[in-house]
Amino acid sequence: MCPTLRHSLLAATMVALVAASPLHAQTPPPAPVPGAEAPPSPNLSAEQRRTMNQRMDAHIRELHDSLRITPAQQPQWEAFAQVMRDNSRRMQDSVAASRTAYDRMTATDRMRFYADVSAQHAKDVVALVAPFQALYDSMSPEQKAHADEVFRAQAQRARKGDRT
């Protein structure tokens, strides 16, 4: 996954988690269809897509472990993780769709492309809030404090430029 895409996905996750509060509650997204895959983009090879998905899955596993998700919280976690995967696929498709045309884009075209990607990114972040709120609500007070610290630390690293 390209560094910009990875940073964007990590930032989307972090922003959504930090912003999760009852004031931001949304209607939950529709339940994911198990095993449903987005169709491959014509501008990303199967190997590139597989690598990006593997990196997203690794990020999801790391976050799962870091947040100390319990078996009882697994359904809420799975709903949240599925939205992260869906967001990742949408971002991959946006980036892939622009690859072939990017070199021919005018400055205005590029600005429009960035605006479109930013708007989609904002929608993707909003989509993360409701499933994370359900997960956060299921956490013990100790888990909530730990989750708050995990995302506070991620935000601090991001501000310093360390996106890992």
C-alpha atoms as a PDB file:
ATOM      1  CA  MET A   1       0.000   0.000   0.000  1.00  0.00           C
ATOM      2  CA  CYS A   2       1.394   3.382  -0.888  1.00  0.00           C
ATOM      3  CA  PRO A   3       2.435   5.462   2.142  1.00  0.00           C
ATOM      4  CA  THR A   4      -0.150   8.153   1.402  1.00  0.00           C
ATOM      5  CA  LEU A   5      -2.983   5.614   1.233  1.00  0.00           C
ATOM      6  CA  ARG A   6      -1.785   3.855   4.388  1.00  0.00           C
ATOM      7  CA  HIS A   7      -1.515   7.168   6.253  1.00  0.00           C
ATOM      8  CA  SER A   8      -4.951   8.155   5.054  1.00  0.00           C
ATOM      9  CA  LEU A   9      -6.466   4.885   6.217  1.00  0.00           C
ATOM     10  CA  LEU A  10      -4.727   5.071   9.573  1.00  0.00           C
ATOM     11  CA  ALA A  11      -5.755   8.694   9.948  1.00  0.00           C
ATOM     12  CA  ALA A  12      -9.357   7.834   9.099  1.00  0.00           C
ATOM     13  CA  THR A  13      -9.375   5.156  11.755  1.00  0.00           C
ATOM     14  CA  MET A  14      -7.764   7.399  14.331  1.00  0.00           C
ATOM     15  CA  VAL A  15      -9.998  10.402  13.643  1.00  0.00           C
ATOM     16  CA  ALA A  16     -13.125   8.277  13.792  1.00  0.00           C
ATOM     17  CA  LEU A  17     -12.102   6.715  17.065  1.00  0.00           C
ATOM     18  CA  VAL A  18     -11.166  10.010  18.656  1.00  0.00           C
ATOM     19  CA  ALA A  19     -14.417  11.565  17.430  1.00  0.00           C
ATOM     20  CA  ALA A  20     -16.593   8.711  18.676  1.00  0.00           C
ATOM     21  CA  SER A  21     -19.137  10.105  21.080  1.00  0.00           C
ATOM     22  CA  PRO A  22     -22.927  10.030  21.477  1.00  0.00           C
ATOM     23  CA  LEU A  23     -23.053  13.440  19.779  1.00  0.00           C
ATOM     24  CA  HIS A  24     -21.626  11.902  16.618  1.00  0.00           C
ATOM     25  CA  ALA A  25     -23.800   8.778  16.573  1.00  0.00           C
ATOM     26  CA  GLN A  26     -24.991   7.810  13.113  1.00  0.00           C
ATOM     27  CA  THR A  27     -27.312   5.153  11.830  1.00  0.00           C
ATOM     28  CA  PRO A  28     -25.160   2.055  11.575  1.00  0.00           C
ATOM     29  CA  PRO A  29     -24.120   1.039   8.083  1.00  0.00           C
ATOM     30  CA  PRO A  30     -25.845  -1.969   6.565  1.00  0.00           C
ATOM     31  CA  ALA A  31     -24.564  -5.311   7.793  1.00  0.00           C
ATOM     32  CA  PRO A  32     -21.656  -6.556   5.702  1.00  0.00           C
ATOM     33  CA  VAL A  33     -22.148  -9.529   3.458  1.00  0.00           C
ATOM     34  CA  PRO A  34     -19.691 -12.182   4.699  1.00  0.00           C
ATOM     35  CA  GLY A  35     -17.078 -12.990   2.100  1.00  0.00           C
ATOM     36  CA  ALA A  36     -18.164 -10.182  -0.222  1.00  0.00           C
ATOM     37  CA  GLU A  37     -15.240  -8.741  -2.107  1.00  0.00           C
ATOM     38  CA  ALA A  38     -15.139  -5.512  -4.041  1.00  0.00           C
ATOM     39  CA  PRO A  39     -14.579  -6.173  -7.737  1.00  0.00           C
ATOM     40  CA  PRO A  40     -10.936  -5.791  -8.703  1.00  0.00           C
ATOM     41  CA  SER A  41     -10.005  -2.383 -10.043  1.00  0.00           C
ATOM     42  CA  PRO A  42      -8.699  -2.419 -13.601  1.00  0.00           C
ATOM     43  CA  ASN A  43      -5.752  -0.232 -12.579  1.00  0.00           C
ATOM     44  CA  LEU A  44      -4.506  -2.289  -9.640  1.00  0.00           C
ATOM     45  CA  SER A  45      -3.025  -5.696 -10.185  1.00  0.00           C
ATOM     46  CA  ALA A  46      -4.392  -8.570  -8.159  1.00  0.00           C
ATOM     47  CA  GLU A  47      -1.062  -8.685  -6.328  1.00  0.00           C
ATOM     48  CA  GLN A  48      -1.181  -4.958  -5.460  1.00  0.00           C
ATOM     49  CA  ARG A  49      -4.730  -5.285  -4.183  1.00  0.00           C
ATOM     50  CA  ARG A  50      -3.819  -8.407  -2.206  1.00  0.00           C
ATOM     51  CA  THR A  51      -0.828  -6.622  -0.637  1.00  0.00           C
ATOM     52  CA  MET A  52      -2.954  -3.607   0.310  1.00  0.00           C
ATOM     53  CA  ASN A  53      -5.623  -5.838   1.820  1.00  0.00           C
ATOM     54  CA  GLN A  54      -2.994  -7.805   3.746  1.00  0.00           C
ATOM     55  CA  ARG A  55      -1.597  -4.586   5.189  1.00  0.00           C
ATOM     56  CA  MET A  56      -5.079  -3.424   6.185  1.00  0.00           C
ATOM     57  CA  ASP A  57      -5.774  -6.801   7.789  1.00  0.00           C
ATOM     58  CA  ALA A  58      -2.461  -6.563   9.686  1.00  0.00           C
ATOM     59  CA  HIS A  59      -3.429  -3.078  10.907  1.00  0.00           C
ATOM     60  CA  ILE A  60      -6.828  -4.404  11.993  1.00  0.00           C
ATOM     61  CA  ARG A  61      -5.210  -7.318  13.885  1.00  0.00           C
ATOM     62  CA  GLU A  62      -2.740  -4.966  15.600  1.00  0.00           C
ATOM     63  CA  LEU A  63      -5.550  -2.639  16.637  1.00  0.00           C
ATOM     64  CA  HIS A  64      -7.641  -5.602  17.849  1.00  0.00           C
ATOM     65  CA  ASP A  65      -4.780  -6.788  20.028  1.00  0.00           C
ATOM     66  CA  SER A  66      -3.919  -3.307  21.219  1.00  0.00           C
ATOM     67  CA  LEU A  67      -7.508  -2.609  22.280  1.00  0.00           C
ATOM     68  CA  ARG A  68      -7.706  -5.965  24.083  1.00  0.00           C
ATOM     69  CA  ILE A  69     -10.965  -6.957  22.419  1.00  0.00           C
ATOM     70  CA  THR A  70     -12.732  -9.717  24.343  1.00  0.00           C
ATOM     71  CA  PRO A  71     -14.668 -12.604  22.785  1.00  0.00           C
ATOM     72  CA  ALA A  72     -17.916 -10.946  23.932  1.00  0.00           C
ATOM     73  CA  GLN A  73     -16.940  -7.783  22.028  1.00  0.00           C
ATOM     74  CA  GLN A  74     -16.063  -9.644  18.836  1.00  0.00           C
ATOM     75  CA  PRO A  75     -19.384  -8.918  17.040  1.00  0.00           C
ATOM     76  CA  GLN A  76     -18.968  -5.164  17.605  1.00  0.00           C
ATOM     77  CA  TRP A  77     -15.318  -5.418  16.584  1.00  0.00           C
ATOM     78  CA  GLU A  78     -16.182  -7.288  13.373  1.00  0.00           C
ATOM     79  CA  ALA A  79     -18.688  -4.603  12.362  1.00  0.00           C
ATOM     80  CA  PHE A  80     -16.060  -1.903  12.920  1.00  0.00           C
ATOM     81  CA  ALA A  81     -13.331  -3.875  11.124  1.00  0.00           C
ATOM     82  CA  GLN A  82     -15.608  -4.486   8.132  1.00  0.00           C
ATOM     83  CA  VAL A  83     -16.170  -0.747   7.726  1.00  0.00           C
ATOM     84  CA  MET A  84     -12.391  -0.230   7.834  1.00  0.00           C
ATOM     85  CA  ARG A  85     -11.984  -2.864   5.096  1.00  0.00           C
ATOM     86  CA  ASP A  86     -14.765  -1.308   3.009  1.00  0.00           C
ATOM     87  CA  ASN A  87     -13.194   2.136   3.402  1.00  0.00           C
ATOM     88  CA  SER A  88      -9.824   0.736   2.357  1.00  0.00           C
ATOM     89  CA  ARG A  89     -11.285  -0.832  -0.780  1.00  0.00           C
ATOM     90  CA  ARG A  90     -13.059   2.398  -1.683  1.00  0.00           C
ATOM     91  CA  MET A  91      -9.822   4.367  -1.272  1.00  0.00           C
ATOM     92  CA  GLN A  92      -7.918   1.788  -3.330  1.00  0.00           C
ATOM     93  CA  ASP A  93     -10.497   2.129  -6.080  1.00  0.00           C
ATOM     94  CA  SER A  94     -10.291   5.934  -6.019  1.00  0.00           C
ATOM     95  CA  VAL A  95      -6.523   5.913  -6.245  1.00  0.00           C
ATOM     96  CA  ALA A  96      -6.500   3.174  -8.888  1.00  0.00           C
ATOM     97  CA  ALA A  97      -9.067   4.973 -11.018  1.00  0.00           C
ATOM     98  CA  SER A  98      -6.882   8.058 -11.127  1.00  0.00           C
ATOM     99  CA  ARG A  99      -3.601   6.278 -11.890  1.00  0.00           C
ATOM    100  CA  THR A 100      -3.868   6.122 -15.648  1.00  0.00           C
ATOM    101  CA  ALA A 101      -5.271   9.627 -16.035  1.00  0.00           C
ATOM    102  CA  TYR A 102      -3.206  11.383 -13.363  1.00  0.00           C
ATOM    103  CA  ASP A 103      -0.312  12.368 -15.640  1.00  0.00           C
ATOM    104  CA  ARG A 104      -2.757  13.916 -18.115  1.00  0.00           C
ATOM    105  CA  MET A 105      -4.738  15.824 -15.479  1.00  0.00           C
ATOM    106  CA  THR A 106      -4.683  19.585 -15.483  1.00  0.00           C
ATOM    107  CA  ALA A 107      -4.098  21.435 -12.241  1.00  0.00           C
ATOM    108  CA  THR A 108      -7.852  21.928 -11.951  1.00  0.00           C
ATOM    109  CA  ASP A 109      -8.485  18.223 -12.608  1.00  0.00           C
ATOM    110  CA  ARG A 110      -6.022  17.294  -9.849  1.00  0.00           C
ATOM    111  CA  MET A 111      -7.624  19.742  -7.450  1.00  0.00           C
ATOM    112  CA  ARG A 112     -11.030  18.249  -8.237  1.00  0.00           C
ATOM    113  CA  PHE A 113      -9.620  14.741  -7.751  1.00  0.00           C
ATOM    114  CA  TYR A 114      -8.171  15.689  -4.339  1.00  0.00           C
ATOM    115  CA  ALA A 115     -11.491  17.271  -3.380  1.00  0.00           C
ATOM    116  CA  ASP A 116     -13.350  14.095  -4.378  1.00  0.00           C
ATOM    117  CA  VAL A 117     -10.936  11.869  -2.449  1.00  0.00           C
ATOM    118  CA  SER A 118     -11.159  14.160   0.583  1.00  0.00           C
ATOM    119  CA  ALA A 119     -14.961  14.112   0.465  1.00  0.00           C
ATOM    120  CA  GLN A 120     -14.968  10.317   0.247  1.00  0.00           C
ATOM    121  CA  HIS A 121     -12.457  10.161   3.099  1.00  0.00           C
ATOM    122  CA  ALA A 122     -14.777  12.286   5.244  1.00  0.00           C
ATOM    123  CA  LYS A 123     -17.724   9.985   4.446  1.00  0.00           C
ATOM    124  CA  ASP A 124     -15.572   6.972   5.304  1.00  0.00           C
ATOM    125  CA  VAL A 125     -14.611   8.479   8.655  1.00  0.00           C
ATOM    126  CA  VAL A 126     -18.268   9.169   9.459  1.00  0.00           C
ATOM    127  CA  ALA A 127     -19.082   5.546   8.574  1.00  0.00           C
ATOM    128  CA  LEU A 128     -16.564   4.383  11.210  1.00  0.00           C
ATOM    129  CA  VAL A 129     -18.113   6.324  14.071  1.00  0.00           C
ATOM    130  CA  ALA A 130     -21.284   4.298  14.720  1.00  0.00           C
ATOM    131  CA  PRO A 131     -19.644   0.852  14.751  1.00  0.00           C
ATOM    132  CA  PHE A 132     -16.827   2.142  16.927  1.00  0.00           C
ATOM    133  CA  GLN A 133     -19.315   3.748  19.300  1.00  0.00           C
ATOM    134  CA  ALA A 134     -21.040   0.367  19.705  1.00  0.00           C
ATOM    135  CA  LEU A 135     -17.675  -1.265  20.382  1.00  0.00           C
ATOM    136  CA  TYR A 136     -16.580   1.482  22.784  1.00  0.00           C
ATOM    137  CA  ASP A 137     -19.907   1.254  24.630  1.00  0.00           C
ATOM    138  CA  SER A 138     -19.276  -2.471  25.178  1.00  0.00           C
ATOM    139  CA  MET A 139     -15.878  -1.842  26.759  1.00  0.00           C
ATOM    140  CA  SER A 140     -15.118  -1.916  30.452  1.00  0.00           C
ATOM    141  CA  PRO A 141     -14.004   1.365  32.033  1.00  0.00           C
ATOM    142  CA  GLU A 142     -10.430   0.047  32.000  1.00  0.00           C
ATOM    143  CA  GLN A 143     -10.648  -0.819  28.302  1.00  0.00           C
ATOM    144  CA  LYS A 144     -12.107   2.592  27.497  1.00  0.00           C
ATOM    145  CA  ALA A 145      -9.255   4.320  29.325  1.00  0.00           C
ATOM    146  CA  HIS A 146      -6.776   2.123  27.472  1.00  0.00           C
ATOM    147  CA  ALA A 147      -8.460   2.780  24.097  1.00  0.00           C
ATOM    148  CA  ASP A 148      -8.383   6.516  24.803  1.00  0.00           C
ATOM    149  CA  GLU A 149      -4.653   6.258  25.511  1.00  0.00           C
ATOM    150  CA  VAL A 150      -3.955   4.127  22.411  1.00  0.00           C
ATOM    151  CA  PHE A 151      -5.569   6.705  20.141  1.00  0.00           C
ATOM    152  CA  ARG A 152      -4.090   9.645  22.015  1.00  0.00           C
ATOM    153  CA  ALA A 153      -0.633   8.123  21.458  1.00  0.00           C
ATOM    154  CA  GLN A 154      -1.403   7.519  17.756  1.00  0.00           C
ATOM    155  CA  ALA A 155      -2.488  11.132  17.364  1.00  0.00           C
ATOM    156  CA  GLN A 156       0.697  12.342  19.029  1.00  0.00           C
ATOM    157  CA  ARG A 157       2.843  10.153  16.754  1.00  0.00           C
ATOM    158  CA  ALA A 158       0.945  11.424  13.706  1.00  0.00           C
ATOM    159  CA  ARG A 159       1.540  15.040  14.719  1.00  0.00           C
ATOM    160  CA  LYS A 160       5.274  14.280  14.982  1.00  0.00           C
ATOM    161  CA  GLY A 161       5.255  12.701  11.527  1.00  0.00           C
ATOM    162  CA  ASP A 162       5.682   9.090  12.686  1.00  0.00           C
ATOM    163  CA  ARG A 163       2.884   7.317  10.824  1.00  0.00           C
ATOM    164  CA  THR A 164       3.800   3.753  11.774  1.00  0.00           C
END
